[in-house]
Protein backbone atom coordinates (compact mmCIF):
# COMPACT_ATOMS: atom_id res chain seq x y z
CA UNK A 1 -0.32 -22.59 -4.71
CA UNK A 2 -1.86 -20.11 -6.41
CA UNK A 3 -4.49 -17.86 -5.00
CA UNK A 4 -7.47 -19.06 -7.80
CA UNK A 5 -5.76 -22.95 -6.71
CA UNK A 6 -6.05 -22.04 -2.79
CA UNK A 7 -9.34 -20.69 -3.45
CA UNK A 8 -10.85 -23.65 -5.10
CA UNK A 9 -9.61 -26.11 -2.57
CA UNK A 10 -10.83 -23.74 0.35
CA UNK A 11 -13.95 -23.01 -1.10
CA UNK A 12 -15.41 -26.82 -0.38
CA UNK A 13 -13.97 -26.89 3.21
CA UNK A 14 -14.12 -23.02 4.63
CA UNK A 15 -17.37 -21.69 3.29
CA UNK A 16 -19.23 -22.64 6.21
CA UNK A 17 -16.76 -21.98 9.08
CA UNK A 18 -17.18 -18.35 9.28
CA UNK A 19 -21.32 -18.73 9.51
CA UNK A 20 -20.66 -21.85 11.71
CA UNK A 21 -18.38 -20.20 14.47
CA UNK A 22 -20.47 -17.85 15.06
CA UNK A 23 -24.05 -17.71 16.96
CA UNK A 24 -26.92 -14.76 16.94
CA UNK A 25 -26.39 -12.53 19.61
CA UNK A 26 -26.95 -9.72 17.24
CA UNK A 27 -30.56 -10.82 16.60
CA UNK A 28 -32.14 -8.69 19.59
CA UNK A 29 -30.04 -5.51 18.83
CA UNK A 30 -31.44 -5.20 15.11
CA UNK A 31 -34.04 -2.59 15.02
CA UNK A 32 -32.24 -0.78 18.17
CA UNK A 33 -29.77 2.12 18.71
CA UNK A 34 -27.89 2.23 22.23
CA UNK A 35 -28.68 4.70 24.33
CA UNK A 36 -25.73 7.28 26.09
CA UNK A 37 -27.54 6.08 29.52
CA UNK A 38 -25.70 2.87 29.03
CA UNK A 39 -22.31 4.16 28.58
CA UNK A 40 -21.92 5.87 32.16
CA UNK A 41 -20.54 1.22 33.09
CA UNK A 42 -17.92 0.20 31.00
CA UNK A 43 -17.95 -4.20 30.47
CA UNK A 44 -14.69 -5.11 31.67
CA UNK A 45 -14.23 -2.20 34.28
CA UNK A 46 -11.74 0.60 34.87
CA UNK A 47 -9.24 1.35 32.28
CA UNK A 48 -5.59 1.62 33.91
CA UNK A 49 -2.31 1.62 32.92
CA UNK A 50 -1.19 -1.14 31.23
CA UNK A 51 3.01 -2.07 30.73
CA UNK A 52 3.77 -3.67 27.44
CA UNK A 53 5.46 -7.17 27.86
CA UNK A 54 8.48 -5.81 25.06
CA UNK A 55 9.23 -2.45 26.20
CA UNK A 56 8.18 -2.32 29.81
CA UNK A 57 6.16 1.01 28.81
CA UNK A 58 2.75 1.70 29.64
CA UNK A 59 1.75 2.33 25.89
CA UNK A 60 -1.85 1.89 26.07
CA UNK A 61 -5.32 1.72 28.96
CA UNK A 62 -6.55 -1.67 29.60
CA UNK A 63 -8.70 -3.40 31.75
CA UNK A 64 -7.33 -5.53 34.81
CA UNK A 65 -6.01 -8.98 33.90
CA UNK A 66 -5.15 -7.89 30.14
CA UNK A 67 -1.73 -7.97 29.04
CA UNK A 68 -0.01 -6.62 25.53
CA UNK A 69 2.93 -7.12 23.56
CA UNK A 70 3.81 -4.10 20.86
CA UNK A 71 5.65 -5.11 17.61
CA UNK A 72 6.36 -4.01 14.06
CA UNK A 73 7.50 -0.23 15.25
CA UNK A 74 7.68 1.84 12.00
CA UNK A 75 11.40 1.74 10.51
CA UNK A 76 12.02 -1.20 12.73
CA UNK A 77 14.10 -4.38 10.30
CA UNK A 78 11.56 -6.52 8.93
CA UNK A 79 12.76 -10.40 8.41
CA UNK A 80 14.54 -9.66 5.10
CA UNK A 81 16.66 -6.50 6.50
CA UNK A 82 14.27 -3.50 4.64
CA UNK A 83 12.40 -1.54 7.32
CA UNK A 84 8.44 -1.53 8.54
CA UNK A 85 6.55 0.86 6.49
CA UNK A 86 4.75 3.23 8.67
CA UNK A 87 0.96 4.80 8.62
CA UNK A 88 0.00 1.18 10.39
CA UNK A 89 -3.72 1.14 9.38
CA UNK A 90 -6.29 -1.79 7.98
CA UNK A 91 -5.12 -5.22 9.34
CA UNK A 92 -6.88 -8.51 9.74
CA UNK A 93 -6.02 -12.73 10.52
CA UNK A 94 -5.79 -14.28 7.41
CA UNK A 95 -4.22 -17.74 7.97
CA UNK A 96 -4.20 -19.37 11.50
CA UNK A 97 -3.53 -22.76 12.79
CA UNK A 98 -2.80 -24.17 16.22
CA UNK A 99 0.93 -23.08 16.60
CA UNK A 100 0.84 -19.50 14.60
CA UNK A 101 -1.30 -16.76 13.23
CA UNK A 102 -0.43 -14.93 10.29
CA UNK A 103 -1.93 -11.22 9.59
CA UNK A 104 -1.52 -8.75 6.70
CA UNK A 105 -0.93 -5.08 7.34
CA UNK A 106 -1.42 -2.17 5.32
CA UNK A 107 0.56 0.90 4.84
CA UNK A 108 -1.11 3.99 4.35
CA UNK A 109 0.95 6.34 2.84
CA UNK A 110 -0.14 8.19 0.17
CA UNK A 111 2.98 10.74 -0.48
CA UNK A 112 4.80 9.31 -3.71
CA UNK A 113 8.10 8.20 -3.19
CA UNK A 114 9.61 4.71 -4.21
CA UNK A 115 8.37 1.32 -3.53
CA UNK A 116 9.55 0.09 0.03
CA UNK A 117 10.18 -3.14 -1.82
CA UNK A 118 11.58 -3.86 -5.17
CA UNK A 119 9.89 -7.53 -5.01
CA UNK A 120 5.82 -7.46 -6.10
CA UNK A 121 5.53 -4.03 -6.66
CA UNK A 122 2.99 -1.92 -9.00
CA UNK A 123 4.25 1.12 -9.15
CA UNK A 124 8.32 1.73 -8.26
CA UNK A 125 7.28 5.15 -7.13
CA UNK A 126 4.80 4.69 -4.78
CA UNK A 127 5.14 4.25 -1.44
CA UNK A 128 2.13 2.46 0.09
CA UNK A 129 1.51 -1.33 0.80
CA UNK A 130 1.69 -4.33 3.19
CA UNK A 131 3.77 -6.49 5.67
CA UNK A 132 2.46 -9.98 6.87
CA UNK A 133 3.08 -10.70 10.18
CA UNK A 134 3.58 -14.31 12.33
CA UNK A 135 2.27 -14.96 16.07
CA UNK A 136 3.32 -18.23 17.82
CA UNK A 137 0.85 -18.98 20.11
CA UNK A 138 2.67 -20.87 22.85
CA UNK A 139 5.26 -18.34 22.92
CA UNK A 140 3.16 -15.51 23.19
CA UNK A 141 5.15 -13.61 20.76
CA UNK A 142 5.87 -12.25 16.45
CA UNK A 143 7.91 -14.17 15.01
CA UNK A 144 8.24 -13.00 11.69
CA UNK A 145 7.12 -9.68 9.31
CA UNK A 146 7.52 -9.83 5.58
CA UNK A 147 7.00 -7.49 2.80
CA UNK A 148 4.10 -8.31 1.04
CA UNK A 149 2.70 -5.84 -1.50
CA UNK A 150 4.61 -2.34 -2.29
CA UNK A 151 4.27 0.55 -4.79
CA UNK A 152 0.31 1.00 -3.89
CA UNK A 153 -0.91 3.96 -2.49
CA UNK A 154 -2.55 5.19 0.48
CA UNK A 155 -3.76 1.42 0.79
CA UNK A 156 -6.17 2.20 4.20
CA UNK A 157 -8.45 -0.49 4.98
CA UNK A 158 -9.59 -3.96 3.32
CA UNK A 159 -10.93 -7.53 4.31
CA UNK A 160 -9.90 -11.50 4.77
CA UNK A 161 -11.70 -13.51 1.94
CA UNK A 162 -12.49 -17.18 3.14
CA UNK A 163 -9.79 -18.49 1.03
CA UNK A 164 -7.26 -17.24 3.17
CA UNK A 165 -5.98 -13.66 1.83
CA UNK A 166 -6.11 -10.14 2.15
CA UNK A 167 -8.12 -8.00 0.14
CA UNK A 168 -6.01 -4.46 0.49
CA UNK A 169 -7.82 -1.06 -0.66
CA UNK A 170 -6.40 2.07 -1.93
CA UNK A 171 -8.57 5.11 -0.66
CA UNK A 172 -6.99 7.08 -3.26
CA UNK A 173 -7.27 8.21 -7.07
CA UNK A 174 -4.10 9.61 -8.02
CA UNK A 175 -2.04 8.54 -11.24
CA UNK A 176 -0.09 9.89 -13.64
CA UNK A 177 -1.42 12.94 -14.83
CA UNK A 178 -2.31 14.29 -10.70
CA UNK A 179 -1.82 17.44 -9.24
CA UNK A 180 0.28 15.75 -6.37
CA UNK A 181 0.47 18.79 -3.03
CA UNK A 182 3.64 19.80 -2.39
CA UNK A 183 5.35 17.73 -5.33
CA UNK A 184 6.81 19.76 -8.48
CA UNK A 185 7.37 16.69 -10.75
CA UNK A 186 4.87 13.75 -10.50
CA UNK A 187 6.47 10.87 -10.82
CA UNK A 188 3.77 7.74 -10.25
CA UNK A 189 4.45 5.58 -13.49
CA UNK A 190 0.37 3.66 -12.90
CA UNK A 191 -3.19 4.73 -12.24
CA UNK A 192 -4.14 3.91 -8.33
CA UNK A 193 -7.91 3.54 -6.60
CA UNK A 194 -8.46 -0.07 -7.00
CA UNK A 195 -8.42 -3.11 -4.69
CA UNK A 196 -5.32 -6.13 -4.60
CA UNK A 197 -4.76 -9.27 -3.11
CA UNK A 198 -2.47 -10.48 -1.32
CA UNK A 199 -1.78 -14.09 0.02
CA UNK A 200 -0.20 -15.33 3.39
CA UNK A 201 3.31 -16.04 2.23
CA UNK A 202 2.98 -12.22 0.11
CA UNK A 203 4.11 -14.25 -2.75
CA UNK A 204 2.00 -12.92 -5.77
CA UNK A 205 2.46 -10.37 -8.01
CA UNK A 206 0.30 -7.03 -8.29
CA UNK A 207 -2.76 -7.15 -10.31
CA UNK A 208 -5.70 -4.71 -9.66
CA UNK A 209 -9.33 -6.26 -9.34
CA UNK A 210 -10.89 -4.46 -11.43
CA UNK A 211 -14.69 -5.99 -10.79
CA UNK A 212 -13.62 -3.83 -7.60
CA UNK A 213 -14.67 -0.89 -9.14
CA UNK A 214 -12.45 2.27 -9.19
CA UNK A 215 -12.91 5.17 -6.20
CA UNK A 216 -11.82 5.91 -3.10
CA UNK A 217 -11.65 2.50 -1.51
CA UNK A 218 -11.92 1.96 2.01
CA UNK A 219 -12.40 -1.58 3.28
CA UNK A 220 -14.11 -5.20 2.15
CA UNK A 221 -16.12 -8.10 3.34
CA UNK A 222 -16.38 -10.96 1.74
CA UNK A 223 -19.13 -12.79 2.65
CA UNK A 224 -17.96 -16.66 3.38
CA UNK A 225 -21.01 -18.35 1.87
CA UNK A 226 -22.28 -16.32 -1.23
CA UNK A 227 -18.49 -14.44 -1.69
CA UNK A 228 -20.24 -11.15 -2.87
CA UNK A 229 -18.44 -8.59 -1.37
CA UNK A 230 -18.98 -5.81 0.11
CA UNK A 231 -17.17 -2.05 -0.54
CA UNK A 232 -17.19 1.01 1.50
CA UNK A 233 -16.03 4.66 -0.05
CA UNK A 234 -14.28 7.11 2.34
CA UNK A 235 -16.17 10.29 0.83
CA UNK A 236 -18.35 12.92 2.32
CA UNK A 237 -20.95 11.44 -0.09
CA UNK A 238 -20.53 7.70 0.02
CA UNK A 239 -22.18 5.10 -1.80
CA UNK A 240 -22.66 1.23 0.06
CA UNK A 241 -21.13 -1.26 -2.94
CA UNK A 242 -21.48 -4.96 -3.76
CA UNK A 243 -19.83 -7.05 -6.41
CA UNK A 244 -21.74 -9.77 -6.98
CA UNK A 245 -19.37 -12.42 -8.44
CA UNK A 246 -20.06 -15.16 -11.42
CA UNK A 247 -18.49 -17.82 -9.57
CA UNK A 248 -17.68 -17.99 -6.23
CA UNK A 249 -14.19 -18.20 -5.18
CA UNK A 250 -13.37 -16.04 -8.60
CA UNK A 251 -13.40 -12.36 -8.46
CA UNK A 252 -12.42 -11.88 -11.75
CA UNK A 253 -16.05 -10.87 -12.91
CA UNK A 254 -19.23 -10.03 -11.48
CA UNK A 255 -22.41 -7.51 -11.28
CA UNK A 256 -21.27 -4.46 -8.69
CA UNK A 257 -24.04 -2.19 -7.57
CA UNK A 258 -25.15 0.67 -5.28
CA UNK A 259 -27.89 0.13 -2.04
CA UNK A 260 -30.86 1.85 -2.68
CA UNK A 261 -33.59 2.80 -0.10
CA UNK A 262 -37.15 3.38 -0.83
CA UNK A 263 -37.60 5.62 2.07
CA UNK A 264 -34.84 7.97 1.72
CA UNK A 265 -31.73 9.23 0.04
CA UNK A 266 -29.24 10.64 2.60
CA UNK A 267 -29.19 9.24 5.70
CA UNK A 268 -26.04 11.67 6.87
CA UNK A 269 -28.23 13.05 9.37
CA UNK A 270 -31.66 12.88 10.39
CA UNK A 271 -32.35 9.93 11.07
CA UNK A 272 -34.02 8.23 14.03
CA UNK A 273 -33.49 5.90 15.93
CA UNK A 274 -33.58 2.71 15.69
CA UNK A 275 -34.69 3.48 11.95
CA UNK A 276 -35.36 0.38 9.44
CA UNK A 277 -35.33 1.27 5.80
CA UNK A 278 -35.90 -1.45 2.91
CA UNK A 279 -33.26 -1.70 0.41
CA UNK A 280 -32.52 -2.49 -3.21
CA UNK A 281 -29.43 -2.38 -5.52
CA UNK A 282 -28.95 -0.59 -8.78
CA UNK A 283 -25.99 -1.84 -11.48
CA UNK A 284 -23.41 1.07 -12.23
CA UNK A 285 -22.93 0.95 -15.75
CA UNK A 286 -19.10 1.83 -15.47
CA UNK A 287 -17.42 1.15 -12.16
CA UNK A 288 -14.06 1.80 -13.04
CA UNK A 289 -14.96 5.27 -14.16
CA UNK A 290 -13.32 7.44 -11.52
CA UNK A 291 -14.61 11.03 -11.64
CA UNK A 292 -18.01 12.53 -12.35
CA UNK A 293 -17.96 13.59 -16.10
CA UNK A 294 -16.11 16.44 -17.10
CA UNK A 295 -14.65 16.45 -13.56
CA UNK A 296 -11.85 15.37 -11.24
CA UNK A 297 -14.11 15.18 -7.91
CA UNK A 298 -13.08 11.02 -7.46
CA UNK A 299 -16.86 10.74 -7.27
CA UNK A 300 -17.75 9.06 -10.84
CA UNK A 301 -19.21 5.74 -9.41
CA UNK A 302 -20.99 7.03 -6.96
CA UNK A 303 -22.64 9.89 -9.28
CA UNK A 304 -23.32 6.88 -11.29
CA UNK A 305 -25.29 4.95 -8.46
CA UNK A 306 -26.96 8.44 -7.31
CA UNK A 307 -28.49 9.58 -10.45
CA UNK A 308 -30.63 6.19 -10.03
CA UNK A 309 -31.93 6.69 -6.55
CA UNK A 310 -28.38 5.34 -5.01
CA UNK A 311 -28.37 5.77 -0.47
CA UNK A 312 -25.42 8.35 0.36
CA UNK A 313 -24.03 7.77 3.35
CA UNK A 314 -21.41 9.95 5.34
CA UNK A 315 -18.13 8.81 5.32
CA UNK A 316 -18.46 4.77 4.96
CA UNK A 317 -15.31 2.95 6.69
CA UNK A 318 -15.43 -0.03 8.42
CA UNK A 319 -17.22 -3.00 7.33
CA UNK A 320 -17.63 -6.43 8.75
CA UNK A 321 -19.91 -9.76 8.23
CA UNK A 322 -21.37 -11.83 11.61
CA UNK A 323 -23.85 -14.09 11.64
CA UNK A 324 -25.64 -13.82 8.05
CA UNK A 325 -25.28 -9.26 8.74
CA UNK A 326 -23.59 -6.93 7.42
CA UNK A 327 -21.76 -4.32 9.50
CA UNK A 328 -20.82 -1.00 8.41
CA UNK A 329 -19.55 2.69 10.24
CA UNK A 330 -20.24 6.06 9.16
CA UNK A 331 -17.41 7.90 10.45
CA UNK A 332 -18.85 10.89 10.51
CA UNK A 333 -22.71 10.53 9.94
CA UNK A 334 -25.03 11.31 12.21
CA UNK A 335 -26.43 14.66 13.98
CA UNK A 336 -23.48 15.53 15.88
CA UNK A 337 -21.16 14.10 13.31
CA UNK A 338 -19.59 11.60 15.30
CA UNK A 339 -20.52 8.45 13.50
CA UNK A 340 -23.05 5.56 12.89
CA UNK A 341 -22.91 2.13 13.10
CA UNK A 342 -25.10 0.33 10.33
CA UNK A 343 -26.80 -2.89 9.96
CA UNK A 344 -27.64 -4.84 7.07
CA UNK A 345 -29.39 -7.96 6.68
CA UNK A 346 -29.22 -9.00 2.93
CA UNK A 347 -31.91 -12.15 3.58
CA UNK A 348 -34.47 -9.74 4.81
CA UNK A 349 -33.36 -6.37 2.45
CA UNK A 350 -33.14 -3.94 5.53
CA UNK A 351 -30.55 -1.52 6.71
CA UNK A 352 -31.10 -0.60 10.39
CA UNK A 353 -29.04 2.13 12.57
CA UNK A 354 -27.72 0.16 15.31
CA UNK A 355 -25.77 3.22 17.09
CA UNK A 356 -25.62 6.97 16.43
CA UNK A 357 -23.03 9.02 18.79
CA UNK A 358 -24.55 12.13 20.34
CA UNK A 359 -21.22 13.51 21.05
CA UNK A 360 -17.56 12.59 20.36
CA UNK A 361 -16.61 12.40 24.14
CA UNK A 362 -19.16 9.33 24.12
CA UNK A 363 -17.78 7.93 20.53
CA UNK A 364 -15.18 9.74 18.56
CA UNK A 365 -15.74 9.15 14.45
CA UNK A 366 -15.66 4.67 14.25
CA UNK A 367 -13.06 3.76 11.72
CA UNK A 368 -12.27 0.16 11.44
CA UNK A 369 -14.17 -2.57 12.96
CA UNK A 370 -14.54 -6.28 13.22
CA UNK A 371 -16.92 -8.51 15.37
CA UNK A 372 -15.25 -11.12 18.05
CA UNK A 373 -16.75 -14.97 17.77
CA UNK A 374 -18.45 -13.71 21.63
CA UNK A 375 -20.70 -11.02 19.34
CA UNK A 376 -19.01 -7.65 20.18
CA UNK A 377 -18.13 -4.84 17.76
CA UNK A 378 -15.11 -3.57 18.41
CA UNK A 379 -15.16 0.05 17.25
CA UNK A 380 -11.56 1.31 16.64
CA UNK A 381 -12.25 5.32 16.50
CA UNK A 382 -10.37 8.07 14.49
CA UNK A 383 -10.82 11.51 15.73
CA UNK A 384 -9.99 14.50 17.42
CA UNK A 385 -11.11 13.62 21.02
CA UNK A 386 -7.82 12.48 23.08
CA UNK A 387 -7.20 9.97 23.59
CA UNK A 388 -8.22 7.93 21.30
CA UNK A 389 -10.08 4.63 22.35
CA UNK A 390 -11.20 1.41 21.33
CA UNK A 391 -15.09 0.71 21.99
CA UNK A 392 -16.73 -2.19 22.49
CA UNK A 393 -20.36 -2.06 20.94
CA UNK A 394 -22.64 -4.91 22.69
CA UNK A 395 -25.19 -7.16 20.97
CA UNK A 396 -27.44 -5.34 23.85
CA UNK A 397 -26.52 -1.70 22.28
CA UNK A 398 -24.45 -0.72 25.00
CA UNK A 399 -21.02 1.07 24.21
CA UNK A 400 -18.41 0.15 26.60
CA UNK A 401 -14.55 1.51 26.00
CA UNK A 402 -11.83 -1.51 26.39
CA UNK A 403 -8.61 0.75 25.40
CA UNK A 404 -6.84 3.72 25.01
CA UNK A 405 -4.12 5.32 23.84
CA UNK A 406 -1.50 5.97 26.43
CA UNK A 407 1.67 6.54 23.98
CA UNK A 408 3.81 9.32 24.98
CA UNK A 409 7.39 8.21 23.99
CA UNK A 410 10.69 9.60 24.85
CA UNK A 411 13.10 8.27 22.37
CA UNK A 412 11.69 4.57 22.20
CA UNK A 413 12.84 2.73 18.45
CA UNK A 414 13.41 6.22 17.48
CA UNK A 415 10.24 7.97 18.26
CA UNK A 416 9.15 10.76 21.04
CA UNK A 417 6.09 13.05 21.40
CA UNK A 418 2.57 12.42 22.69
CA UNK A 419 0.64 10.34 20.58
CA UNK A 420 -2.44 9.69 22.22
CA UNK A 421 -4.65 11.61 19.61
CA UNK A 422 -3.64 8.84 16.60
CA UNK A 423 -6.03 6.56 15.82
CA UNK A 424 -6.58 2.96 16.43
CA UNK A 425 -6.82 1.00 13.05
CA UNK A 426 -6.72 -2.71 12.00
CA UNK A 427 -8.51 -4.25 14.70
CA UNK A 428 -8.67 -8.21 14.09
CA UNK A 429 -9.76 -10.84 16.45
CA UNK A 430 -8.35 -14.65 16.01
CA UNK A 431 -10.99 -17.15 15.62
CA UNK A 432 -11.24 -18.53 19.04
CA UNK A 433 -11.52 -14.78 20.29
CA UNK A 434 -8.85 -14.81 22.68
CA UNK A 435 -6.08 -12.35 21.02
CA UNK A 436 -6.77 -9.35 19.62
CA UNK A 437 -4.86 -7.82 16.99
CA UNK A 438 -4.31 -3.24 16.61
CA UNK A 439 -2.36 -1.09 15.11
CA UNK A 440 -1.70 2.68 16.60
CA UNK A 441 -1.67 4.48 13.44
CA UNK A 442 1.27 6.93 14.44
CA UNK A 443 3.76 6.61 14.78
CA UNK A 444 2.71 3.03 13.63
CA UNK A 445 3.12 -0.24 16.41
CA UNK A 446 1.25 -3.27 15.82
CA UNK A 447 -0.43 -4.70 19.42
CA UNK A 448 -1.20 -8.48 20.16
CA UNK A 449 -3.68 -8.11 23.04
CA UNK A 450 -5.14 -10.68 25.41
CA UNK A 451 -6.55 -11.24 28.86
CA UNK A 452 -10.35 -12.72 30.00
CA UNK A 453 -12.61 -11.71 27.83
CA UNK A 454 -16.15 -12.25 28.61
CA UNK A 455 -19.07 -13.58 27.14
CA UNK A 456 -21.24 -10.88 25.87
């Protein structure tokens, strides 16, 4: 079944599933910013070194009672014999049933090099892409990993679709004419800076989705009802975008817009606690303009929106939809440049600051994010604080550490060194919320975590 056929079929049976599966827990959080005083006690208690069920090594710290399995280390064989690419980044559950869970995982490799897989390759000299993983619920283990997209560049994050596929985002604008650092001769054959769709079986020729624009993409979230696509931009001056499709389940065409706030033009700094802004949207005339005229600044799309009053954020990265609300992370936003978490309410057309980190020891530059069926926001840190953490922002506005990177290796799968400063990425829950899947980018490993989850 092609992606288009699967969309048409699934649109009828799944368009309301995600919305129906989640409650209204975040209603009480709207308009409130969490306070640093709330951060002293954790939701699950102290974090303790926890042994990996596969290697026996204490790779991470978790609350008591939680267990995890590592899988898919960089350079370990995929199911087809190829080596697992490194730089594990964005990831999501894209398909599941009572027996198994299928995930798609990005590999944020930006340097040019031979595509890691000859099948379904976009550019033979771009080394990024995706791999699809299958996890067996009853056996509590991963059972396969296959390449699903190759020949793309710097696949950072993305997002799952209601029709059971993954949208993989390129966080770069390189192409055949680009001057590449450390490379004397540029081997790239195609332009980059696009979003690509990947099905659960990985059997789809890679085609850039032009309707989603060409810019420094980070992540996307697809509204389960309207199929509007929300997109983040990882730049110091970033816009927040949406593509409203002409037809549901069809991303080939639609209106492309940037958010505008009526009261303010720039929310990178100086935002009051609990600030709420009325917002609207301005249309971008040329969504494929990579650069401002006469420059190579990578801000061609943003500049068109800014000239119409579009709102400027600081490095927008994660985006997720829960209970009709859209949540986004501004990695370097806030007066301490340590991160912000925002909520956009499409029904009210309002933007609210939920949380601003006062310092990196509280929350250090939140990047990828997800929301569980219980209502907690899980934030992946990507900053300089050691160790890097997974943190939970509860519907009550409380920030709680859930996991710490404890990776200190001595030759495990060929990896040695202290990797506790490596970012968390790709956090995603199974639909029932019992399994959390997440990556540590360097040296590159995927973890499956389960335990005594609490209602929040």
